[in-house]
Amino acid sequence: RLSQLLWATLHGLAKLTEEGLFSMANSLDDITDYALKRFEDSLTIT
């Protein structure tokens, strides 16, 4: 389920970027880092 959630998140980010919603490279980097951080926090990775 975690893998499915991660892949769905990645696919959504990829498609939003393709459609031009994240036109700046740093915008995608920032939201990717943020998503990873939230993902890690929610999984209680120690």
ModelCIF file with pLDDT and N, C-alpha, C, O atoms, coordinates in Angstrom:
data_MODEL
#
_entry.id   MODEL 
#
_entity.id                         1 
_entity.type                       polymer 
_entity.pdbx_number_of_molecules   1 
#
_entity_poly.entity_id                      1 
_entity_poly.type                           'polypeptide(L)' 
_entity_poly.nstd_linkage                   no 
_entity_poly.nstd_monomer                   no 
_entity_poly.pdbx_seq_one_letter_code       RLSQLLWATLHGLAKLTEEGLFSMANSLDDITDYALKRFEDSLTIT 
_entity_poly.pdbx_seq_one_letter_code_can   RLSQLLWATLHGLAKLTEEGLFSMANSLDDITDYALKRFEDSLTIT 
_entity_poly.pdbx_strand_id                 A 
#
loop_
_entity_poly_seq.entity_id 
_entity_poly_seq.num 
_entity_poly_seq.mon_id 
_entity_poly_seq.hetero 
1 1  ARG n 
1 2  LEU n 
1 3  SER n 
1 4  GLN n 
1 5  LEU n 
1 6  LEU n 
1 7  TRP n 
1 8  ALA n 
1 9  THR n 
1 10 LEU n 
1 11 HIS n 
1 12 GLY n 
1 13 LEU n 
1 14 ALA n 
1 15 LYS n 
1 16 LEU n 
1 17 THR n 
1 18 GLU n 
1 19 GLU n 
1 20 GLY n 
1 21 LEU n 
1 22 PHE n 
1 23 SER n 
1 24 MET n 
1 25 ALA n 
1 26 ASN n 
1 27 SER n 
1 28 LEU n 
1 29 ASP n 
1 30 ASP n 
1 31 ILE n 
1 32 THR n 
1 33 ASP n 
1 34 TYR n 
1 35 ALA n 
1 36 LEU n 
1 37 LYS n 
1 38 ARG n 
1 39 PHE n 
1 40 GLU n 
1 41 ASP n 
1 42 SER n 
1 43 LEU n 
1 44 THR n 
1 45 ILE n 
1 46 THR n 
#
_struct_asym.id          A 
_struct_asym.entity_id   1 
#
loop_
_ma_qa_metric.id 
_ma_qa_metric.mode 
_ma_qa_metric.name 
_ma_qa_metric.software_group_id 
_ma_qa_metric.type 
1 global pLDDT . pLDDT 
2 local  pLDDT . pLDDT 
#
_ma_qa_metric_global.metric_id      1 
_ma_qa_metric_global.metric_value   82.28 
_ma_qa_metric_global.model_id       1 
_ma_qa_metric_global.ordinal_id     1 
#
loop_
_ma_qa_metric_local.label_asym_id 
_ma_qa_metric_local.label_comp_id 
_ma_qa_metric_local.label_seq_id 
_ma_qa_metric_local.metric_id 
_ma_qa_metric_local.metric_value 
_ma_qa_metric_local.model_id 
_ma_qa_metric_local.ordinal_id 
A ARG 1  2 93.00 1 1  
A LEU 2  2 91.00 1 2  
A SER 3  2 93.00 1 3  
A GLN 4  2 94.00 1 4  
A LEU 5  2 93.00 1 5  
A LEU 6  2 92.00 1 6  
A TRP 7  2 93.00 1 7  
A ALA 8  2 94.00 1 8  
A THR 9  2 93.00 1 9  
A LEU 10 2 93.00 1 10 
A HIS 11 2 94.00 1 11 
A GLY 12 2 93.00 1 12 
A LEU 13 2 92.00 1 13 
A ALA 14 2 92.00 1 14 
A LYS 15 2 91.00 1 15 
A LEU 16 2 89.00 1 16 
A THR 17 2 88.00 1 17 
A GLU 18 2 86.00 1 18 
A GLU 19 2 84.00 1 19 
A GLY 20 2 82.00 1 20 
A LEU 21 2 78.00 1 21 
A PHE 22 2 72.00 1 22 
A SER 23 2 62.00 1 23 
A MET 24 2 65.00 1 24 
A ALA 25 2 59.00 1 25 
A ASN 26 2 66.00 1 26 
A SER 27 2 78.00 1 27 
A LEU 28 2 82.00 1 28 
A ASP 29 2 84.00 1 29 
A ASP 30 2 87.00 1 30 
A ILE 31 2 88.00 1 31 
A THR 32 2 89.00 1 32 
A ASP 33 2 90.00 1 33 
A TYR 34 2 89.00 1 34 
A ALA 35 2 87.00 1 35 
A LEU 36 2 89.00 1 36 
A LYS 37 2 87.00 1 37 
A ARG 38 2 81.00 1 38 
A PHE 39 2 78.00 1 39 
A GLU 40 2 81.00 1 40 
A ASP 41 2 76.00 1 41 
A SER 42 2 65.00 1 42 
A LEU 43 2 68.00 1 43 
A THR 44 2 60.00 1 44 
A ILE 45 2 53.00 1 45 
A THR 46 2 51.00 1 46 
#
loop_
_atom_site.group_PDB 
_atom_site.id 
_atom_site.type_symbol 
_atom_site.label_atom_id 
_atom_site.label_alt_id 
_atom_site.label_comp_id 
_atom_site.label_asym_id 
_atom_site.label_entity_id 
_atom_site.label_seq_id 
_atom_site.pdbx_PDB_ins_code 
_atom_site.Cartn_x 
_atom_site.Cartn_y 
_atom_site.Cartn_z 
_atom_site.occupancy 
_atom_site.B_iso_or_equiv 
_atom_site.pdbx_formal_charge 
_atom_site.auth_seq_id 
_atom_site.auth_comp_id 
_atom_site.auth_asym_id 
_atom_site.auth_atom_id 
_atom_site.pdbx_PDB_model_num 
ATOM 1   N N  . ARG A 1 1  ? 0.823  -1.205 0.000   1.00 93.00 ? 1  ARG A N  1 
ATOM 2   C CA . ARG A 1 1  ? 0.000  0.000  0.000   1.00 93.00 ? 1  ARG A CA 1 
ATOM 3   C C  . ARG A 1 1  ? 0.862  1.261  0.000   1.00 93.00 ? 1  ARG A C  1 
ATOM 4   O O  . ARG A 1 1  ? 0.516  2.253  -0.641  1.00 93.00 ? 1  ARG A O  1 
ATOM 5   N N  . LEU A 1 2  ? 1.967  1.221  0.710   1.00 91.00 ? 2  LEU A N  1 
ATOM 6   C CA . LEU A 1 2  ? 2.868  2.376  0.702   1.00 91.00 ? 2  LEU A CA 1 
ATOM 7   C C  . LEU A 1 2  ? 3.437  2.612  -0.694  1.00 91.00 ? 2  LEU A C  1 
ATOM 8   O O  . LEU A 1 2  ? 3.569  3.754  -1.133  1.00 91.00 ? 2  LEU A O  1 
ATOM 9   N N  . SER A 1 3  ? 3.769  1.536  -1.380  1.00 93.00 ? 3  SER A N  1 
ATOM 10  C CA . SER A 1 3  ? 4.297  1.653  -2.738  1.00 93.00 ? 3  SER A CA 1 
ATOM 11  C C  . SER A 1 3  ? 3.247  2.216  -3.678  1.00 93.00 ? 3  SER A C  1 
ATOM 12  O O  . SER A 1 3  ? 3.551  3.044  -4.537  1.00 93.00 ? 3  SER A O  1 
ATOM 13  N N  . GLN A 1 4  ? 2.016  1.768  -3.515  1.00 94.00 ? 4  GLN A N  1 
ATOM 14  C CA . GLN A 1 4  ? 0.932  2.290  -4.351  1.00 94.00 ? 4  GLN A CA 1 
ATOM 15  C C  . GLN A 1 4  ? 0.705  3.781  -4.089  1.00 94.00 ? 4  GLN A C  1 
ATOM 16  O O  . GLN A 1 4  ? 0.489  4.561  -5.017  1.00 94.00 ? 4  GLN A O  1 
ATOM 17  N N  . LEU A 1 5  ? 0.759  4.161  -2.808  1.00 93.00 ? 5  LEU A N  1 
ATOM 18  C CA . LEU A 1 5  ? 0.589  5.573  -2.455  1.00 93.00 ? 5  LEU A CA 1 
ATOM 19  C C  . LEU A 1 5  ? 1.725  6.416  -3.028  1.00 93.00 ? 5  LEU A C  1 
ATOM 20  O O  . LEU A 1 5  ? 1.490  7.503  -3.556  1.00 93.00 ? 5  LEU A O  1 
ATOM 21  N N  . LEU A 1 6  ? 2.944  5.917  -2.925  1.00 92.00 ? 6  LEU A N  1 
ATOM 22  C CA . LEU A 1 6  ? 4.093  6.651  -3.450  1.00 92.00 ? 6  LEU A CA 1 
ATOM 23  C C  . LEU A 1 6  ? 3.998  6.802  -4.962  1.00 92.00 ? 6  LEU A C  1 
ATOM 24  O O  . LEU A 1 6  ? 4.218  7.890  -5.494  1.00 92.00 ? 6  LEU A O  1 
ATOM 25  N N  . TRP A 1 7  ? 3.668  5.709  -5.661  1.00 93.00 ? 7  TRP A N  1 
ATOM 26  C CA . TRP A 1 7  ? 3.601  5.766  -7.113  1.00 93.00 ? 7  TRP A CA 1 
ATOM 27  C C  . TRP A 1 7  ? 2.496  6.715  -7.571  1.00 93.00 ? 7  TRP A C  1 
ATOM 28  O O  . TRP A 1 7  ? 2.661  7.452  -8.543  1.00 93.00 ? 7  TRP A O  1 
ATOM 29  N N  . ALA A 1 8  ? 1.365  6.691  -6.858  1.00 94.00 ? 8  ALA A N  1 
ATOM 30  C CA . ALA A 1 8  ? 0.282  7.610  -7.199  1.00 94.00 ? 8  ALA A CA 1 
ATOM 31  C C  . ALA A 1 8  ? 0.724  9.060  -7.022  1.00 94.00 ? 8  ALA A C  1 
ATOM 32  O O  . ALA A 1 8  ? 0.378  9.921  -7.830  1.00 94.00 ? 8  ALA A O  1 
ATOM 33  N N  . THR A 1 9  ? 1.481  9.324  -5.975  1.00 93.00 ? 9  THR A N  1 
ATOM 34  C CA . THR A 1 9  ? 1.992  10.679 -5.736  1.00 93.00 ? 9  THR A CA 1 
ATOM 35  C C  . THR A 1 9  ? 2.955  11.101 -6.845  1.00 93.00 ? 9  THR A C  1 
ATOM 36  O O  . THR A 1 9  ? 2.873  12.216 -7.361  1.00 93.00 ? 9  THR A O  1 
ATOM 37  N N  . LEU A 1 10 ? 3.857  10.204 -7.200  1.00 93.00 ? 10 LEU A N  1 
ATOM 38  C CA . LEU A 1 10 ? 4.831  10.509 -8.254  1.00 93.00 ? 10 LEU A CA 1 
ATOM 39  C C  . LEU A 1 10 ? 4.132  10.738 -9.595  1.00 93.00 ? 10 LEU A C  1 
ATOM 40  O O  . LEU A 1 10 ? 4.483  11.650 -10.344 1.00 93.00 ? 10 LEU A O  1 
ATOM 41  N N  . HIS A 1 11 ? 3.147  9.903  -9.880  1.00 94.00 ? 11 HIS A N  1 
ATOM 42  C CA . HIS A 1 11 ? 2.431  10.047 -11.148 1.00 94.00 ? 11 HIS A CA 1 
ATOM 43  C C  . HIS A 1 11 ? 1.691  11.384 -11.189 1.00 94.00 ? 11 HIS A C  1 
ATOM 44  O O  . HIS A 1 11 ? 1.665  12.057 -12.220 1.00 94.00 ? 11 HIS A O  1 
ATOM 45  N N  . GLY A 1 12 ? 1.097  11.756 -10.076 1.00 93.00 ? 12 GLY A N  1 
ATOM 46  C CA . GLY A 1 12 ? 0.414  13.038 -10.025 1.00 93.00 ? 12 GLY A CA 1 
ATOM 47  C C  . GLY A 1 12 ? 1.358  14.205 -10.220 1.00 93.00 ? 12 GLY A C  1 
ATOM 48  O O  . GLY A 1 12 ? 1.036  15.143 -10.950 1.00 93.00 ? 12 GLY A O  1 
ATOM 49  N N  . LEU A 1 13 ? 2.503  14.168 -9.588  1.00 92.00 ? 13 LEU A N  1 
ATOM 50  C CA . LEU A 1 13 ? 3.499  15.233 -9.749  1.00 92.00 ? 13 LEU A CA 1 
ATOM 51  C C  . LEU A 1 13 ? 3.996  15.299 -11.192 1.00 92.00 ? 13 LEU A C  1 
ATOM 52  O O  . LEU A 1 13 ? 4.164  16.382 -11.753 1.00 92.00 ? 13 LEU A O  1 
ATOM 53  N N  . ALA A 1 14 ? 4.228  14.129 -11.783 1.00 92.00 ? 14 ALA A N  1 
ATOM 54  C CA . ALA A 1 14 ? 4.710  14.089 -13.169 1.00 92.00 ? 14 ALA A CA 1 
ATOM 55  C C  . ALA A 1 14 ? 3.688  14.692 -14.123 1.00 92.00 ? 14 ALA A C  1 
ATOM 56  O O  . ALA A 1 14 ? 4.047  15.466 -15.010 1.00 92.00 ? 14 ALA A O  1 
ATOM 57  N N  . LYS A 1 15 ? 2.421  14.343 -13.946 1.00 91.00 ? 15 LYS A N  1 
ATOM 58  C CA . LYS A 1 15 ? 1.384  14.841 -14.844 1.00 91.00 ? 15 LYS A CA 1 
ATOM 59  C C  . LYS A 1 15 ? 1.135  16.336 -14.648 1.00 91.00 ? 15 LYS A C  1 
ATOM 60  O O  . LYS A 1 15 ? 0.920  17.062 -15.620 1.00 91.00 ? 15 LYS A O  1 
ATOM 61  N N  . LEU A 1 16 ? 1.161  16.799 -13.398 1.00 89.00 ? 16 LEU A N  1 
ATOM 62  C CA . LEU A 1 16 ? 0.975  18.226 -13.149 1.00 89.00 ? 16 LEU A CA 1 
ATOM 63  C C  . LEU A 1 16 ? 2.117  19.037 -13.762 1.00 89.00 ? 16 LEU A C  1 
ATOM 64  O O  . LEU A 1 16 ? 1.907  20.133 -14.281 1.00 89.00 ? 16 LEU A O  1 
ATOM 65  N N  . THR A 1 17 ? 3.308  18.488 -13.693 1.00 88.00 ? 17 THR A N  1 
ATOM 66  C CA . THR A 1 17 ? 4.457  19.159 -14.306 1.00 88.00 ? 17 THR A CA 1 
ATOM 67  C C  . THR A 1 17 ? 4.320  19.179 -15.825 1.00 88.00 ? 17 THR A C  1 
ATOM 68  O O  . THR A 1 17 ? 4.598  20.193 -16.465 1.00 88.00 ? 17 THR A O  1 
ATOM 69  N N  . GLU A 1 18 ? 3.894  18.060 -16.395 1.00 86.00 ? 18 GLU A N  1 
ATOM 70  C CA . GLU A 1 18 ? 3.707  17.981 -17.852 1.00 86.00 ? 18 GLU A CA 1 
ATOM 71  C C  . GLU A 1 18 ? 2.664  18.992 -18.332 1.00 86.00 ? 18 GLU A C  1 
ATOM 72  O O  . GLU A 1 18 ? 2.791  19.560 -19.417 1.00 86.00 ? 18 GLU A O  1 
ATOM 73  N N  . GLU A 1 19 ? 1.637  19.207 -17.515 1.00 84.00 ? 19 GLU A N  1 
ATOM 74  C CA . GLU A 1 19 ? 0.572  20.136 -17.888 1.00 84.00 ? 19 GLU A CA 1 
ATOM 75  C C  . GLU A 1 19 ? 0.945  21.593 -17.626 1.00 84.00 ? 19 GLU A C  1 
ATOM 76  O O  . GLU A 1 19 ? 0.172  22.500 -17.934 1.00 84.00 ? 19 GLU A O  1 
ATOM 77  N N  . GLY A 1 20 ? 2.127  21.815 -17.060 1.00 82.00 ? 20 GLY A N  1 
ATOM 78  C CA . GLY A 1 20 ? 2.608  23.176 -16.881 1.00 82.00 ? 20 GLY A CA 1 
ATOM 79  C C  . GLY A 1 20 ? 2.282  23.812 -15.549 1.00 82.00 ? 20 GLY A C  1 
ATOM 80  O O  . GLY A 1 20 ? 2.543  25.000 -15.362 1.00 82.00 ? 20 GLY A O  1 
ATOM 81  N N  . LEU A 1 21 ? 1.717  23.058 -14.610 1.00 78.00 ? 21 LEU A N  1 
ATOM 82  C CA . LEU A 1 21 ? 1.377  23.640 -13.321 1.00 78.00 ? 21 LEU A CA 1 
ATOM 83  C C  . LEU A 1 21 ? 2.617  23.909 -12.463 1.00 78.00 ? 21 LEU A C  1 
ATOM 84  O O  . LEU A 1 21 ? 2.627  24.816 -11.632 1.00 78.00 ? 21 LEU A O  1 
ATOM 85  N N  . PHE A 1 22 ? 3.657  23.105 -12.681 1.00 72.00 ? 22 PHE A N  1 
ATOM 86  C CA . PHE A 1 22 ? 4.936  23.356 -12.025 1.00 72.00 ? 22 PHE A CA 1 
ATOM 87  C C  . PHE A 1 22 ? 5.948  23.685 -13.118 1.00 72.00 ? 22 PHE A C  1 
ATOM 88  O O  . PHE A 1 22 ? 6.751  22.835 -13.502 1.00 72.00 ? 22 PHE A O  1 
ATOM 89  N N  . SER A 1 23 ? 5.909  24.897 -13.610 1.00 62.00 ? 23 SER A N  1 
ATOM 90  C CA . SER A 1 23 ? 6.726  25.256 -14.769 1.00 62.00 ? 23 SER A CA 1 
ATOM 91  C C  . SER A 1 23 ? 8.176  25.512 -14.395 1.00 62.00 ? 23 SER A C  1 
ATOM 92  O O  . SER A 1 23 ? 9.064  25.405 -15.241 1.00 62.00 ? 23 SER A O  1 
ATOM 93  N N  . MET A 1 24 ? 8.423  25.850 -13.137 1.00 65.00 ? 24 MET A N  1 
ATOM 94  C CA . MET A 1 24 ? 9.789  26.123 -12.690 1.00 65.00 ? 24 MET A CA 1 
ATOM 95  C C  . MET A 1 24 ? 10.379 24.859 -12.072 1.00 65.00 ? 24 MET A C  1 
ATOM 96  O O  . MET A 1 24 ? 9.719  24.166 -11.297 1.00 65.00 ? 24 MET A O  1 
ATOM 97  N N  . ALA A 1 25 ? 11.631 24.567 -12.425 1.00 59.00 ? 25 ALA A N  1 
ATOM 98  C CA . ALA A 1 25 ? 12.277 23.361 -11.910 1.00 59.00 ? 25 ALA A CA 1 
ATOM 99  C C  . ALA A 1 25 ? 12.365 23.370 -10.399 1.00 59.00 ? 25 ALA A C  1 
ATOM 100 O O  . ALA A 1 25 ? 12.195 22.339 -9.748  1.00 59.00 ? 25 ALA A O  1 
ATOM 101 N N  . ASN A 1 26 ? 12.636 24.559 -9.838  1.00 66.00 ? 26 ASN A N  1 
ATOM 102 C CA . ASN A 1 26 ? 12.773 24.618 -8.383  1.00 66.00 ? 26 ASN A CA 1 
ATOM 103 C C  . ASN A 1 26 ? 11.435 24.381 -7.692  1.00 66.00 ? 26 ASN A C  1 
ATOM 104 O O  . ASN A 1 26 ? 11.409 23.917 -6.551  1.00 66.00 ? 26 ASN A O  1 
ATOM 105 N N  . SER A 1 27 ? 10.317 24.691 -8.362  1.00 78.00 ? 27 SER A N  1 
ATOM 106 C CA . SER A 1 27 ? 9.006  24.426 -7.787  1.00 78.00 ? 27 SER A CA 1 
ATOM 107 C C  . SER A 1 27 ? 8.789  22.929 -7.619  1.00 78.00 ? 27 SER A C  1 
ATOM 108 O O  . SER A 1 27 ? 8.310  22.479 -6.579  1.00 78.00 ? 27 SER A O  1 
ATOM 109 N N  . LEU A 1 28 ? 9.143  22.156 -8.647  1.00 82.00 ? 28 LEU A N  1 
ATOM 110 C CA . LEU A 1 28 ? 9.003  20.712 -8.561  1.00 82.00 ? 28 LEU A CA 1 
ATOM 111 C C  . LEU A 1 28 ? 9.944  20.147 -7.504  1.00 82.00 ? 28 LEU A C  1 
ATOM 112 O O  . LEU A 1 28 ? 9.556  19.261 -6.743  1.00 82.00 ? 28 LEU A O  1 
ATOM 113 N N  . ASP A 1 29 ? 11.174 20.647 -7.450  1.00 84.00 ? 29 ASP A N  1 
ATOM 114 C CA . ASP A 1 29 ? 12.125 20.177 -6.444  1.00 84.00 ? 29 ASP A CA 1 
ATOM 115 C C  . ASP A 1 29 ? 11.595 20.443 -5.040  1.00 84.00 ? 29 ASP A C  1 
ATOM 116 O O  . ASP A 1 29 ? 11.682 19.584 -4.163  1.00 84.00 ? 29 ASP A O  1 
ATOM 117 N N  . ASP A 1 30 ? 11.048 21.630 -4.832  1.00 87.00 ? 30 ASP A N  1 
ATOM 118 C CA . ASP A 1 30 ? 10.553 21.993 -3.504  1.00 87.00 ? 30 ASP A CA 1 
ATOM 119 C C  . ASP A 1 30 ? 9.390  21.112 -3.083  1.00 87.00 ? 30 ASP A C  1 
ATOM 120 O O  . ASP A 1 30 ? 9.362  20.607 -1.961  1.00 87.00 ? 30 ASP A O  1 
ATOM 121 N N  . ILE A 1 31 ? 8.428  20.926 -3.985  1.00 88.00 ? 31 ILE A N  1 
ATOM 122 C CA . ILE A 1 31 ? 7.261  20.132 -3.616  1.00 88.00 ? 31 ILE A CA 1 
ATOM 123 C C  . ILE A 1 31 ? 7.618  18.653 -3.479  1.00 88.00 ? 31 ILE A C  1 
ATOM 124 O O  . ILE A 1 31 ? 7.017  17.941 -2.674  1.00 88.00 ? 31 ILE A O  1 
ATOM 125 N N  . THR A 1 32 ? 8.598  18.187 -4.264  1.00 89.00 ? 32 THR A N  1 
ATOM 126 C CA . THR A 1 32 ? 9.051  16.808 -4.125  1.00 89.00 ? 32 THR A CA 1 
ATOM 127 C C  . THR A 1 32 ? 9.707  16.596 -2.775  1.00 89.00 ? 32 THR A C  1 
ATOM 128 O O  . THR A 1 32 ? 9.438  15.605 -2.097  1.00 89.00 ? 32 THR A O  1 
ATOM 129 N N  . ASP A 1 33 ? 10.571 17.528 -2.383  1.00 90.00 ? 33 ASP A N  1 
ATOM 130 C CA . ASP A 1 33 ? 11.220 17.435 -1.070  1.00 90.00 ? 33 ASP A CA 1 
ATOM 131 C C  . ASP A 1 33 ? 10.188 17.479 0.051   1.00 90.00 ? 33 ASP A C  1 
ATOM 132 O O  . ASP A 1 33 ? 10.284 16.745 1.035   1.00 90.00 ? 33 ASP A O  1 
ATOM 133 N N  . TYR A 1 34 ? 9.192  18.360 -0.120  1.00 89.00 ? 34 TYR A N  1 
ATOM 134 C CA . TYR A 1 34 ? 8.152  18.486 0.903   1.00 89.00 ? 34 TYR A CA 1 
ATOM 135 C C  . TYR A 1 34 ? 7.331  17.204 0.995   1.00 89.00 ? 34 TYR A C  1 
ATOM 136 O O  . TYR A 1 34 ? 7.028  16.730 2.090   1.00 89.00 ? 34 TYR A O  1 
ATOM 137 N N  . ALA A 1 35 ? 6.974  16.650 -0.151  1.00 87.00 ? 35 ALA A N  1 
ATOM 138 C CA . ALA A 1 35 ? 6.196  15.413 -0.168  1.00 87.00 ? 35 ALA A CA 1 
ATOM 139 C C  . ALA A 1 35 ? 6.986  14.269 0.469   1.00 87.00 ? 35 ALA A C  1 
ATOM 140 O O  . ALA A 1 35 ? 6.431  13.472 1.226   1.00 87.00 ? 35 ALA A O  1 
ATOM 141 N N  . LEU A 1 36 ? 8.270  14.193 0.162   1.00 89.00 ? 36 LEU A N  1 
ATOM 142 C CA . LEU A 1 36 ? 9.109  13.159 0.761   1.00 89.00 ? 36 LEU A CA 1 
ATOM 143 C C  . LEU A 1 36 ? 9.184  13.308 2.275   1.00 89.00 ? 36 LEU A C  1 
ATOM 144 O O  . LEU A 1 36 ? 9.103  12.328 3.015   1.00 89.00 ? 36 LEU A O  1 
ATOM 145 N N  . LYS A 1 37 ? 9.340  14.544 2.718   1.00 87.00 ? 37 LYS A N  1 
ATOM 146 C CA . LYS A 1 37 ? 9.429  14.783 4.162   1.00 87.00 ? 37 LYS A CA 1 
ATOM 147 C C  . LYS A 1 37 ? 8.134  14.377 4.854   1.00 87.00 ? 37 LYS A C  1 
ATOM 148 O O  . LYS A 1 37 ? 8.175  13.708 5.887   1.00 87.00 ? 37 LYS A O  1 
ATOM 149 N N  . ARG A 1 38 ? 6.992  14.766 4.309   1.00 81.00 ? 38 ARG A N  1 
ATOM 150 C CA . ARG A 1 38 ? 5.721  14.391 4.897   1.00 81.00 ? 38 ARG A CA 1 
ATOM 151 C C  . ARG A 1 38 ? 5.527  12.880 4.848   1.00 81.00 ? 38 ARG A C  1 
ATOM 152 O O  . ARG A 1 38 ? 4.985  12.278 5.775   1.00 81.00 ? 38 ARG A O  1 
ATOM 153 N N  . PHE A 1 39 ? 5.976  12.285 3.759   1.00 78.00 ? 39 PHE A N  1 
ATOM 154 C CA . PHE A 1 39 ? 5.863  10.845 3.609   1.00 78.00 ? 39 PHE A CA 1 
ATOM 155 C C  . PHE A 1 39 ? 6.684  10.138 4.675   1.00 78.00 ? 39 PHE A C  1 
ATOM 156 O O  . PHE A 1 39 ? 6.213  9.199  5.316   1.00 78.00 ? 39 PHE A O  1 
ATOM 157 N N  . GLU A 1 40 ? 7.910  10.596 4.859   1.00 81.00 ? 40 GLU A N  1 
ATOM 158 C CA . GLU A 1 40 ? 8.783  9.982  5.847   1.00 81.00 ? 40 GLU A CA 1 
ATOM 159 C C  . GLU A 1 40 ? 8.244  10.184 7.263   1.00 81.00 ? 40 GLU A C  1 
ATOM 160 O O  . GLU A 1 40 ? 8.273  9.260  8.076   1.00 81.00 ? 40 GLU A O  1 
ATOM 161 N N  . ASP A 1 41 ? 7.755  11.381 7.557   1.00 76.00 ? 41 ASP A N  1 
ATOM 162 C CA . ASP A 1 41 ? 7.225  11.660 8.883   1.00 76.00 ? 41 ASP A CA 1 
ATOM 163 C C  . ASP A 1 41 ? 6.012  10.783 9.195   1.00 76.00 ? 41 ASP A C  1 
ATOM 164 O O  . ASP A 1 41 ? 5.869  10.264 10.302  1.00 76.00 ? 41 ASP A O  1 
ATOM 165 N N  . SER A 1 42 ? 5.145  10.629 8.195   1.00 65.00 ? 42 SER A N  1 
ATOM 166 C CA . SER A 1 42 ? 3.938  9.845  8.416   1.00 65.00 ? 42 SER A CA 1 
ATOM 167 C C  . SER A 1 42 ? 4.250  8.370  8.616   1.00 65.00 ? 42 SER A C  1 
ATOM 168 O O  . SER A 1 42 ? 3.466  7.638  9.219   1.00 65.00 ? 42 SER A O  1 
ATOM 169 N N  . LEU A 1 43 ? 5.402  7.938  8.106   1.00 68.00 ? 43 LEU A N  1 
ATOM 170 C CA . LEU A 1 43 ? 5.782  6.529  8.237   1.00 68.00 ? 43 LEU A CA 1 
ATOM 171 C C  . LEU A 1 43 ? 6.592  6.281  9.504   1.00 68.00 ? 43 LEU A C  1 
ATOM 172 O O  . LEU A 1 43 ? 6.986  5.148  9.781   1.00 68.00 ? 43 LEU A O  1 
ATOM 173 N N  . THR A 1 44 ? 6.832  7.314  10.253  1.00 60.00 ? 44 THR A N  1 
ATOM 174 C CA . THR A 1 44 ? 7.627  7.226  11.497  1.00 60.00 ? 44 THR A CA 1 
ATOM 175 C C  . THR A 1 44 ? 8.984  6.584  11.250  1.00 60.00 ? 44 THR A C  1 
ATOM 176 O O  . THR A 1 44 ? 9.442  5.745  12.026  1.00 60.00 ? 44 THR A O  1 
ATOM 177 N N  . ILE A 1 45 ? 9.617  6.991  10.159  1.00 53.00 ? 45 ILE A N  1 
ATOM 178 C CA . ILE A 1 45 ? 10.973 6.520  9.879   1.00 53.00 ? 45 ILE A CA 1 
ATOM 179 C C  . ILE A 1 45 ? 11.900 7.141  10.901  1.00 53.00 ? 45 ILE A C  1 
ATOM 180 O O  . ILE A 1 45 ? 11.864 8.350  11.132  1.00 53.00 ? 45 ILE A O  1 
ATOM 181 N N  . THR A 1 46 ? 12.725 6.317  11.510  1.00 51.00 ? 46 THR A N  1 
ATOM 182 C CA . THR A 1 46 ? 13.557 6.795  12.601  1.00 51.00 ? 46 THR A CA 1 
ATOM 183 C C  . THR A 1 46 ? 15.013 6.941  12.231  1.00 51.00 ? 46 THR A C  1 
ATOM 184 O O  . THR A 1 46 ? 15.826 7.338  13.066  1.00 51.00 ? 46 THR A O  1 
#
